[in-house]
PDB file of N, CA and C in Angstrom:
ATOM      1  N   MET A   1     202.911 130.334  96.510  1.00  0.00           N
ATOM      2  CA  MET A   1     202.677 131.295  95.446  1.00  0.00           C
ATOM      3  C   MET A   1     201.277 131.077  94.864  1.00  0.00           C
ATOM      4  N   GLU A   2     200.559 132.162  94.649  1.00  0.00           N
ATOM      5  CA  GLU A   2     199.215 132.084  94.075  1.00  0.00           C
ATOM      6  C   GLU A   2     199.280 131.782  92.594  1.00  0.00           C
ATOM      7  N   THR A   3     198.267 131.060  92.115  1.00  0.00           N
ATOM      8  CA  THR A   3     198.148 130.842  90.679  1.00  0.00           C
ATOM      9  C   THR A   3     196.951 131.632  90.172  1.00  0.00           C
ATOM     10  N   ALA A   4     196.933 131.860  88.882  1.00  0.00           N
ATOM     11  CA  ALA A   4     195.833 132.622  88.314  1.00  0.00           C
ATOM     12  C   ALA A   4     195.452 132.060  86.958  1.00  0.00           C
ATOM     13  N   GLU A   5     194.203 132.238  86.624  1.00  0.00           N
ATOM     14  CA  GLU A   5     193.698 131.869  85.305  1.00  0.00           C
ATOM     15  C   GLU A   5     193.265 133.142  84.611  1.00  0.00           C
ATOM     16  N   PHE A   6     193.391 133.132  83.301  1.00  0.00           N
ATOM     17  CA  PHE A   6     193.034 134.288  82.491  1.00  0.00           C
ATOM     18  C   PHE A   6     191.957 133.851  81.514  1.00  0.00           C
ATOM     19  N   THR A   7     190.848 134.535  81.507  1.00  0.00           N
ATOM     20  CA  THR A   7     189.763 134.197  80.595  1.00  0.00           C
ATOM     21  C   THR A   7     189.262 135.475  79.934  1.00  0.00           C
ATOM     22  N   ASN A   8     188.395 135.313  78.948  1.00  0.00           N
ATOM     23  CA  ASN A   8     187.888 136.505  78.270  1.00  0.00           C
ATOM     24  C   ASN A   8     186.445 136.313  77.833  1.00  0.00           C
ATOM     25  N   GLN A   9     185.827 137.425  77.479  1.00  0.00           N
ATOM     26  CA  GLN A   9     184.428 137.456  77.062  1.00  0.00           C
ATOM     27  C   GLN A   9     184.283 137.834  75.581  1.00  0.00           C
ATOM     28  N   ILE A  10     185.322 137.605  74.801  1.00  0.00           N
ATOM     29  CA  ILE A  10     185.305 138.025  73.399  1.00  0.00           C
ATOM     30  C   ILE A  10     184.181 137.344  72.623  1.00  0.00           C
ATOM     31  N   LYS A  11     184.048 136.048  72.773  1.00  0.00           N
ATOM     32  CA  LYS A  11     183.013 135.318  72.039  1.00  0.00           C
ATOM     33  C   LYS A  11     181.623 135.844  72.394  1.00  0.00           C
ATOM     34  N   VAL A  12     181.395 136.100  73.668  1.00  0.00           N
ATOM     35  CA  VAL A  12     180.112 136.631  74.135  1.00  0.00           C
ATOM     36  C   VAL A  12     179.864 138.008  73.531  1.00  0.00           C
ATOM     37  N   GLN A  13     180.884 138.863  73.575  1.00  0.00           N
ATOM     38  CA  GLN A  13     180.745 140.216  73.041  1.00  0.00           C
ATOM     39  C   GLN A  13     180.528 140.191  71.526  1.00  0.00           C
ATOM     40  N   ARG A  14     181.217 139.285  70.842  1.00  0.00           N
ATOM     41  CA  ARG A  14     181.015 139.165  69.389  1.00  0.00           C
ATOM     42  C   ARG A  14     179.586 138.740  69.084  1.00  0.00           C
ATOM     43  N   ALA A  15     179.075 137.810  69.866  1.00  0.00           N
ATOM     44  CA  ALA A  15     177.696 137.344  69.662  1.00  0.00           C
ATOM     45  C   ALA A  15     176.704 138.479  69.886  1.00  0.00           C
ATOM     46  N   MET A  16     176.960 139.304  70.884  1.00  0.00           N
ATOM     47  CA  MET A  16     176.064 140.426  71.168  1.00  0.00           C
ATOM     48  C   MET A  16     176.055 141.436  70.018  1.00  0.00           C
ATOM     49  N   LYS A  17     177.201 141.592  69.345  1.00  0.00           N
ATOM     50  CA  LYS A  17     177.283 142.512  68.207  1.00  0.00           C
ATOM     51  C   LYS A  17     177.021 141.806  66.877  1.00  0.00           C
ATOM     52  N   ASN A  18     176.851 140.483  66.962  1.00  0.00           N
ATOM     53  CA  ASN A  18     176.583 139.666  65.771  1.00  0.00           C
ATOM     54  C   ASN A  18     177.672 139.855  64.711  1.00  0.00           C
ATOM     55  N   ILE A  19     178.932 139.700  65.135  1.00  0.00           N
ATOM     56  CA  ILE A  19     180.039 139.794  64.190  1.00  0.00           C
ATOM     57  C   ILE A  19     180.912 138.548  64.269  1.00  0.00           C
ATOM     58  N   THR A  20     181.605 138.253  63.182  1.00  0.00           N
ATOM     59  CA  THR A  20     182.505 137.098  63.120  1.00  0.00           C
ATOM     60  C   THR A  20     183.883 137.481  63.635  1.00  0.00           C
ATOM     61  N   GLN A  21     184.714 136.467  63.837  1.00  0.00           N
ATOM     62  CA  GLN A  21     186.103 136.724  64.214  1.00  0.00           C
ATOM     63  C   GLN A  21     186.782 137.547  63.128  1.00  0.00           C
ATOM     64  N   GLU A  22     186.504 137.227  61.873  1.00  0.00           N
ATOM     65  CA  GLU A  22     187.119 137.942  60.763  1.00  0.00           C
ATOM     66  C   GLU A  22     186.713 139.416  60.744  1.00  0.00           C
ATOM     67  N   GLU A  23     185.446 139.693  61.009  1.00  0.00           N
ATOM     68  CA  GLU A  23     184.977 141.086  61.047  1.00  0.00           C
ATOM     69  C   GLU A  23     185.637 141.858  62.187  1.00  0.00           C
ATOM     70  N   LEU A  24     185.739 141.232  63.364  1.00  0.00           N
ATOM     71  CA  LEU A  24     186.399 141.878  64.495  1.00  0.00           C
ATOM     72  C   LEU A  24     187.860 142.143  64.164  1.00  0.00           C
ATOM     73  N   ALA A  25     188.524 141.160  63.588  1.00  0.00           N
ATOM     74  CA  ALA A  25     189.936 141.304  63.229  1.00  0.00           C
ATOM     75  C   ALA A  25     190.141 142.492  62.294  1.00  0.00           C
ATOM     76  N   ALA A  26     189.282 142.615  61.292  1.00  0.00           N
ATOM     77  CA  ALA A  26     189.395 143.724  60.334  1.00  0.00           C
ATOM     78  C   ALA A  26     189.195 145.068  61.024  1.00  0.00           C
ATOM     79  N   LYS A  27     188.281 145.130  61.980  1.00  0.00           N
ATOM     80  CA  LYS A  27     187.988 146.387  62.677  1.00  0.00           C
ATOM     81  C   LYS A  27     189.146 146.862  63.551  1.00  0.00           C
ATOM     82  N   ILE A  28     189.912 145.912  64.123  1.00  0.00           N
ATOM     83  CA  ILE A  28     190.990 146.318  65.031  1.00  0.00           C
ATOM     84  C   ILE A  28     192.383 146.115  64.448  1.00  0.00           C
ATOM     85  N   GLY A  29     192.457 145.647  63.207  1.00  0.00           N
ATOM     86  CA  GLY A  29     193.743 145.580  62.519  1.00  0.00           C
ATOM     87  C   GLY A  29     194.627 144.394  62.822  1.00  0.00           C
ATOM     88  N   VAL A  30     194.011 143.226  63.039  1.00  0.00           N
ATOM     89  CA  VAL A  30     194.773 141.991  63.239  1.00  0.00           C
ATOM     90  C   VAL A  30     194.190 140.909  62.336  1.00  0.00           C
ATOM     91  N   THR A  31     194.754 139.710  62.409  1.00  0.00           N
ATOM     92  CA  THR A  31     194.239 138.607  61.603  1.00  0.00           C
ATOM     93  C   THR A  31     193.141 137.857  62.361  1.00  0.00           C
ATOM     94  N   ARG A  32     192.353 137.092  61.618  1.00  0.00           N
ATOM     95  CA  ARG A  32     191.329 136.262  62.238  1.00  0.00           C
ATOM     96  C   ARG A  32     191.972 135.254  63.183  1.00  0.00           C
ATOM     97  N   LYS A  33     193.129 134.728  62.789  1.00  0.00           N
ATOM     98  CA  LYS A  33     193.821 133.747  63.627  1.00  0.00           C
ATOM     99  C   LYS A  33     194.221 134.360  64.976  1.00  0.00           C
ATOM    100  N   THR A  34     194.622 135.627  64.963  1.00  0.00           N
ATOM    101  CA  THR A  34     194.955 136.302  66.217  1.00  0.00           C
ATOM    102  C   THR A  34     193.735 136.358  67.126  1.00  0.00           C
ATOM    103  N   ILE A  35     192.594 136.732  66.569  1.00  0.00           N
ATOM    104  CA  ILE A  35     191.360 136.769  67.362  1.00  0.00           C
ATOM    105  C   ILE A  35     191.051 135.383  67.902  1.00  0.00           C
ATOM    106  N   ASN A  36     191.187 134.370  67.060  1.00  0.00           N
ATOM    107  CA  ASN A  36     190.900 133.001  67.481  1.00  0.00           C
ATOM    108  C   ASN A  36     191.797 132.557  68.626  1.00  0.00           C
ATOM    109  N   THR A  37     193.095 132.831  68.529  1.00  0.00           N
ATOM    110  CA  THR A  37     194.005 132.380  69.583  1.00  0.00           C
ATOM    111  C   THR A  37     193.791 133.133  70.894  1.00  0.00           C
ATOM    112  N   ILE A  38     193.399 134.394  70.807  1.00  0.00           N
ATOM    113  CA  ILE A  38     193.081 135.152  72.027  1.00  0.00           C
ATOM    114  C   ILE A  38     191.781 134.619  72.629  1.00  0.00           C
ATOM    115  N   GLU A  39     190.781 134.439  71.779  1.00  0.00           N
ATOM    116  CA  GLU A  39     189.462 133.990  72.236  1.00  0.00           C
ATOM    117  C   GLU A  39     189.530 132.626  72.910  1.00  0.00           C
ATOM    118  N   THR A  40     190.374 131.737  72.397  1.00  0.00           N
ATOM    119  CA  THR A  40     190.480 130.392  72.961  1.00  0.00           C
ATOM    120  C   THR A  40     191.476 130.292  74.113  1.00  0.00           C
ATOM    121  N   GLY A  41     192.122 131.415  74.437  1.00  0.00           N
ATOM    122  CA  GLY A  41     193.038 131.433  75.577  1.00  0.00           C
ATOM    123  C   GLY A  41     194.432 130.927  75.281  1.00  0.00           C
ATOM    124  N   LYS A  42     194.781 130.718  74.017  1.00  0.00           N
ATOM    125  CA  LYS A  42     196.111 130.241  73.656  1.00  0.00           C
ATOM    126  C   LYS A  42     197.127 131.375  73.604  1.00  0.00           C
ATOM    127  N   PHE A  43     196.640 132.606  73.526  1.00  0.00           N
ATOM    128  CA  PHE A  43     197.506 133.777  73.400  1.00  0.00           C
ATOM    129  C   PHE A  43     196.933 134.908  74.245  1.00  0.00           C
ATOM    130  N   VAL A  44     197.801 135.576  74.995  1.00  0.00           N
ATOM    131  CA  VAL A  44     197.403 136.731  75.796  1.00  0.00           C
ATOM    132  C   VAL A  44     197.766 137.980  74.996  1.00  0.00           C
ATOM    133  N   PRO A  45     196.796 138.840  74.720  1.00  0.00           N
ATOM    134  CA  PRO A  45     197.072 140.008  73.883  1.00  0.00           C
ATOM    135  C   PRO A  45     197.926 141.053  74.597  1.00  0.00           C
ATOM    136  N   SER A  46     198.557 141.886  73.795  1.00  0.00           N
ATOM    137  CA  SER A  46     199.301 143.019  74.353  1.00  0.00           C
ATOM    138  C   SER A  46     198.302 143.979  74.997  1.00  0.00           C
ATOM    139  N   THR A  47     198.801 144.855  75.804  1.00  0.00           N
ATOM    140  CA  THR A  47     197.948 145.867  76.432  1.00  0.00           C
ATOM    141  C   THR A  47     197.251 146.711  75.377  1.00  0.00           C
ATOM    142  N   ILE A  48     197.979 147.109  74.352  1.00  0.00           N
ATOM    143  CA  ILE A  48     197.408 147.940  73.292  1.00  0.00           C
ATOM    144  C   ILE A  48     196.270 147.218  72.586  1.00  0.00           C
ATOM    145  N   LEU A  49     196.481 145.954  72.253  1.00  0.00           N
ATOM    146  CA  LEU A  49     195.434 145.187  71.576  1.00  0.00           C
ATOM    147  C   LEU A  49     194.230 144.979  72.489  1.00  0.00           C
ATOM    148  N   ALA A  50     194.466 144.716  73.760  1.00  0.00           N
ATOM    149  CA  ALA A  50     193.361 144.546  74.712  1.00  0.00           C
ATOM    150  C   ALA A  50     192.528 145.823  74.806  1.00  0.00           C
ATOM    151  N   ILE A  51     193.192 146.958  74.823  1.00  0.00           N
ATOM    152  CA  ILE A  51     192.481 148.239  74.888  1.00  0.00           C
ATOM    153  C   ILE A  51     191.688 148.472  73.605  1.00  0.00           C
ATOM    154  N   ARG A  52     192.292 148.179  72.458  1.00  0.00           N
ATOM    155  CA  ARG A  52     191.572 148.330  71.185  1.00  0.00           C
ATOM    156  C   ARG A  52     190.296 147.486  71.162  1.00  0.00           C
ATOM    157  N   MET A  53     190.411 146.256  71.630  1.00  0.00           N
ATOM    158  CA  MET A  53     189.254 145.364  71.645  1.00  0.00           C
ATOM    159  C   MET A  53     188.176 145.891  72.588  1.00  0.00           C
ATOM    160  N   ALA A  54     188.579 146.298  73.768  1.00  0.00           N
ATOM    161  CA  ALA A  54     187.614 146.814  74.744  1.00  0.00           C
ATOM    162  C   ALA A  54     186.925 148.067  74.212  1.00  0.00           C
ATOM    163  N   ARG A  55     187.685 148.936  73.581  1.00  0.00           N
ATOM    164  CA  ARG A  55     187.082 150.142  73.001  1.00  0.00           C
ATOM    165  C   ARG A  55     186.097 149.783  71.904  1.00  0.00           C
ATOM    166  N   PHE A  56     186.443 148.798  71.076  1.00  0.00           N
ATOM    167  CA  PHE A  56     185.535 148.385  70.017  1.00  0.00           C
ATOM    168  C   PHE A  56     184.200 147.927  70.617  1.00  0.00           C
ATOM    169  N   PHE A  57     184.275 147.133  71.682  1.00  0.00           N
ATOM    170  CA  PHE A  57     183.060 146.616  72.317  1.00  0.00           C
ATOM    171  C   PHE A  57     182.421 147.622  73.277  1.00  0.00           C
ATOM    172  N   GLU A  58     183.086 148.752  73.488  1.00  0.00           N
ATOM    173  CA  GLU A  58     182.605 149.814  74.371  1.00  0.00           C
ATOM    174  C   GLU A  58     182.407 149.335  75.807  1.00  0.00           C
ATOM    175  N   ILE A  59     183.407 148.576  76.272  1.00  0.00           N
ATOM    176  CA  ILE A  59     183.417 148.108  77.660  1.00  0.00           C
ATOM    177  C   ILE A  59     184.823 148.299  78.225  1.00  0.00           C
ATOM    178  N   LYS A  60     184.964 148.131  79.533  1.00  0.00           N
ATOM    179  CA  LYS A  60     186.264 148.227  80.181  1.00  0.00           C
ATOM    180  C   LYS A  60     187.086 146.982  79.863  1.00  0.00           C
ATOM    181  N   VAL A  61     188.395 147.148  79.844  1.00  0.00           N
ATOM    182  CA  VAL A  61     189.292 146.018  79.603  1.00  0.00           C
ATOM    183  C   VAL A  61     189.018 144.906  80.613  1.00  0.00           C
ATOM    184  N   GLU A  62     188.767 145.291  81.868  1.00  0.00           N
ATOM    185  CA  GLU A  62     188.524 144.318  82.931  1.00  0.00           C
ATOM    186  C   GLU A  62     187.228 143.529  82.735  1.00  0.00           C
ATOM    187  N   GLU A  63     186.325 144.057  81.922  1.00  0.00           N
ATOM    188  CA  GLU A  63     185.089 143.333  81.610  1.00  0.00           C
ATOM    189  C   GLU A  63     185.312 142.345  80.469  1.00  0.00           C
ATOM    190  N   LEU A  64     186.267 142.653  79.602  1.00  0.00           N
ATOM    191  CA  LEU A  64     186.554 141.791  78.456  1.00  0.00           C
ATOM    192  C   LEU A  64     187.543 140.694  78.820  1.00  0.00           C
ATOM    193  N   PHE A  65     188.543 141.039  79.624  1.00  0.00           N
ATOM    194  CA  PHE A  65     189.564 140.091  80.055  1.00  0.00           C
ATOM    195  C   PHE A  65     189.504 139.959  81.570  1.00  0.00           C
ATOM    196  N   ILE A  66     189.387 138.728  82.037  1.00  0.00           N
ATOM    197  CA  ILE A  66     189.163 138.477  83.456  1.00  0.00           C
ATOM    198  C   ILE A  66     190.289 137.629  84.030  1.00  0.00           C
ATOM    199  N   LEU A  67     190.897 138.130  85.101  1.00  0.00           N
ATOM    200  CA  LEU A  67     191.946 137.400  85.803  1.00  0.00           C
ATOM    201  C   LEU A  67     191.313 136.761  87.034  1.00  0.00           C
ATOM    202  N   ILE A  68     191.395 135.444  87.109  1.00  0.00           N
ATOM    203  CA  ILE A  68     190.830 134.700  88.244  1.00  0.00           C
ATOM    204  C   ILE A  68     191.990 134.208  89.097  1.00  0.00           C
ATOM    205  N   GLU A  69     192.159 134.815  90.248  1.00  0.00           N
ATOM    206  CA  GLU A  69     193.257 134.426  91.138  1.00  0.00           C
ATOM    207  C   GLU A  69     192.805 133.288  92.026  1.00  0.00           C
ATOM    208  N   LYS A  70     193.703 132.328  92.190  1.00  0.00           N
ATOM    209  CA  LYS A  70     193.388 131.144  93.010  1.00  0.00           C
ATOM    210  C   LYS A  70     194.313 131.059  94.194  1.00  0.00           C
TER     211      LYS A  70
END
């Protein structure tokens, strides 16, 4: 059976927009802690939340969240 890793570019995208976790959270309607746990890989967001984040950053979901199959 194949294994996979899940990573994201949230921190990079936030840096490009020069916004904090708290500012991003307010824009998409979640808590700062939610952003932190997603950004650090401790929590995988729902499809709806992933789409909201990608739309905020104006990129595709696949550019924000990356599945690395091994």
